[in-house]
Amino acid sequence: MCVDLVSSKSDDDSEPEEYEVVSRARLLLRVFAWFVESTLVFAHLRISDPLTVVTLLVRP
């Protein structure tokens, strides 16, 4: 999926910076989603069984 960030330019004038912005935004969204998911998993484990978190962290 390609998004044209600057509509006044023709397709021949597309610059790599446009794609870098989209790539960085997607990367930030992935990192944020990973952070939220890991936070929710640890919160769920902490609420359900505190010893499960300890065994997950200590397990080699």
N, C-alpha and C. Protein backbone atom coordinates (compact mmCIF):
# COMPACT_ATOMS: atom_id res chain seq x y z
N MET A 1 0.85 -1.17 0.00
CA MET A 1 0.00 0.00 0.00
C MET A 1 0.89 1.23 0.00
N CYS A 2 0.75 2.07 -0.99
CA CYS A 2 1.58 3.26 -1.12
C CYS A 2 0.71 4.50 -0.97
N VAL A 3 1.13 5.39 -0.10
CA VAL A 3 0.37 6.61 0.14
C VAL A 3 1.14 7.77 -0.46
N ASP A 4 0.46 8.58 -1.26
CA ASP A 4 1.08 9.76 -1.84
C ASP A 4 0.95 10.90 -0.84
N LEU A 5 2.07 11.28 -0.24
CA LEU A 5 2.03 12.31 0.80
C LEU A 5 1.98 13.72 0.23
N VAL A 6 2.49 13.90 -0.98
CA VAL A 6 2.51 15.22 -1.61
C VAL A 6 1.75 15.10 -2.92
N SER A 7 0.54 15.65 -2.96
CA SER A 7 -0.30 15.46 -4.14
C SER A 7 0.07 16.40 -5.28
N SER A 8 0.82 17.48 -5.02
CA SER A 8 1.15 18.43 -6.08
C SER A 8 2.24 17.91 -7.01
N LYS A 9 3.00 16.91 -6.60
CA LYS A 9 4.07 16.36 -7.43
C LYS A 9 3.53 15.26 -8.33
N SER A 10 4.18 15.09 -9.46
CA SER A 10 3.80 13.98 -10.34
C SER A 10 4.44 12.70 -9.82
N ASP A 11 4.04 11.57 -10.39
CA ASP A 11 4.57 10.28 -9.95
C ASP A 11 6.07 10.14 -10.24
N ASP A 12 6.56 10.84 -11.26
CA ASP A 12 7.98 10.76 -11.60
C ASP A 12 8.87 11.48 -10.59
N ASP A 13 8.29 12.40 -9.84
CA ASP A 13 9.06 13.19 -8.88
C ASP A 13 9.04 12.61 -7.48
N SER A 14 8.54 11.41 -7.30
CA SER A 14 8.44 10.84 -5.96
C SER A 14 9.84 10.66 -5.37
N GLU A 15 9.97 11.02 -4.11
CA GLU A 15 11.26 10.96 -3.43
C GLU A 15 11.25 9.84 -2.41
N PRO A 16 12.41 9.29 -2.09
CA PRO A 16 12.49 8.22 -1.10
C PRO A 16 12.06 8.67 0.30
N GLU A 17 12.14 9.97 0.58
CA GLU A 17 11.78 10.46 1.91
C GLU A 17 10.32 10.19 2.24
N GLU A 18 9.46 10.20 1.22
CA GLU A 18 8.05 9.92 1.45
C GLU A 18 7.87 8.51 1.99
N TYR A 19 8.60 7.57 1.43
CA TYR A 19 8.49 6.20 1.87
C TYR A 19 9.14 6.00 3.23
N GLU A 20 10.19 6.78 3.54
CA GLU A 20 10.82 6.69 4.84
C GLU A 20 9.86 7.12 5.94
N VAL A 21 9.06 8.14 5.67
CA VAL A 21 8.09 8.60 6.67
C VAL A 21 7.08 7.51 6.96
N VAL A 22 6.58 6.87 5.91
CA VAL A 22 5.60 5.79 6.09
C VAL A 22 6.25 4.62 6.81
N SER A 23 7.48 4.27 6.47
CA SER A 23 8.17 3.16 7.11
C SER A 23 8.41 3.44 8.59
N ARG A 24 8.81 4.65 8.91
CA ARG A 24 9.03 5.01 10.31
C ARG A 24 7.73 4.98 11.09
N ALA A 25 6.65 5.44 10.49
CA ALA A 25 5.36 5.43 11.17
C ALA A 25 4.91 3.99 11.44
N ARG A 26 5.10 3.12 10.46
CA ARG A 26 4.73 1.71 10.66
C ARG A 26 5.60 1.08 11.74
N LEU A 27 6.88 1.38 11.75
CA LEU A 27 7.78 0.84 12.77
C LEU A 27 7.37 1.31 14.15
N LEU A 28 7.05 2.59 14.29
CA LEU A 28 6.61 3.11 15.58
C LEU A 28 5.31 2.46 16.03
N LEU A 29 4.40 2.23 15.10
CA LEU A 29 3.15 1.56 15.46
C LEU A 29 3.40 0.12 15.91
N ARG A 30 4.33 -0.57 15.25
CA ARG A 30 4.65 -1.94 15.66
C ARG A 30 5.27 -1.97 17.05
N VAL A 31 6.19 -1.05 17.32
CA VAL A 31 6.83 -0.99 18.63
C VAL A 31 5.80 -0.67 19.71
N PHE A 32 4.92 0.27 19.42
CA PHE A 32 3.88 0.63 20.38
C PHE A 32 2.93 -0.54 20.63
N ALA A 33 2.55 -1.25 19.57
CA ALA A 33 1.67 -2.41 19.71
C ALA A 33 2.35 -3.50 20.53
N TRP A 34 3.65 -3.74 20.28
CA TRP A 34 4.38 -4.73 21.06
C TRP A 34 4.42 -4.34 22.53
N PHE A 35 4.66 -3.07 22.82
CA PHE A 35 4.71 -2.59 24.20
C PHE A 35 3.37 -2.79 24.89
N VAL A 36 2.29 -2.41 24.22
CA VAL A 36 0.96 -2.56 24.81
C VAL A 36 0.64 -4.03 25.04
N GLU A 37 0.95 -4.87 24.06
CA GLU A 37 0.67 -6.30 24.19
C GLU A 37 1.45 -6.92 25.34
N SER A 38 2.73 -6.60 25.44
CA SER A 38 3.54 -7.17 26.52
C SER A 38 3.08 -6.67 27.88
N THR A 39 2.67 -5.40 27.96
CA THR A 39 2.16 -4.86 29.21
C THR A 39 0.88 -5.57 29.62
N LEU A 40 -0.01 -5.80 28.68
CA LEU A 40 -1.26 -6.49 28.99
C LEU A 40 -1.02 -7.94 29.41
N VAL A 41 -0.08 -8.61 28.77
CA VAL A 41 0.23 -9.99 29.13
C VAL A 41 0.77 -10.06 30.54
N PHE A 42 1.72 -9.21 30.88
CA PHE A 42 2.27 -9.24 32.24
C PHE A 42 1.25 -8.81 33.27
N ALA A 43 0.37 -7.87 32.94
CA ALA A 43 -0.68 -7.48 33.87
C ALA A 43 -1.64 -8.64 34.10
N HIS A 44 -1.98 -9.36 33.05
CA HIS A 44 -2.87 -10.51 33.19
C HIS A 44 -2.22 -11.60 34.03
N LEU A 45 -0.95 -11.88 33.78
CA LEU A 45 -0.25 -12.90 34.56
C LEU A 45 -0.12 -12.49 36.02
N ARG A 46 0.11 -11.23 36.24
CA ARG A 46 0.26 -10.75 37.61
C ARG A 46 -1.05 -10.87 38.38
N ILE A 47 -2.15 -10.59 37.71
CA ILE A 47 -3.44 -10.68 38.37
C ILE A 47 -3.83 -12.14 38.60
N SER A 48 -3.62 -13.00 37.61
CA SER A 48 -4.08 -14.38 37.72
C SER A 48 -3.20 -15.22 38.65
N ASP A 49 -1.89 -15.12 38.52
CA ASP A 49 -0.99 -15.94 39.34
C ASP A 49 0.38 -15.27 39.42
N PRO A 50 0.69 -14.66 40.54
CA PRO A 50 1.98 -13.96 40.66
C PRO A 50 3.20 -14.88 40.49
N LEU A 51 3.08 -16.16 40.87
CA LEU A 51 4.21 -17.07 40.75
C LEU A 51 4.52 -17.41 39.29
N THR A 52 3.55 -17.29 38.42
CA THR A 52 3.79 -17.56 37.00
C THR A 52 4.79 -16.57 36.42
N VAL A 53 4.68 -15.31 36.82
CA VAL A 53 5.61 -14.30 36.34
C VAL A 53 7.02 -14.62 36.81
N VAL A 54 7.15 -15.04 38.06
CA VAL A 54 8.47 -15.36 38.61
C VAL A 54 9.07 -16.55 37.87
N THR A 55 8.28 -17.58 37.61
CA THR A 55 8.82 -18.74 36.91
C THR A 55 9.17 -18.42 35.46
N LEU A 56 8.42 -17.53 34.83
CA LEU A 56 8.76 -17.13 33.46
C LEU A 56 10.07 -16.35 33.42
N LEU A 57 10.31 -15.53 34.43
CA LEU A 57 11.52 -14.72 34.44
C LEU A 57 12.75 -15.52 34.86
N VAL A 58 12.57 -16.53 35.71
CA VAL A 58 13.69 -17.30 36.23
C VAL A 58 14.03 -18.47 35.31
N ARG A 59 13.09 -18.94 34.52
CA ARG A 59 13.30 -20.10 33.65
C ARG A 59 14.46 -19.84 32.69
N PRO A 60 15.44 -20.79 32.60
CA PRO A 60 16.61 -20.59 31.73
C PRO A 60 16.28 -20.70 30.26
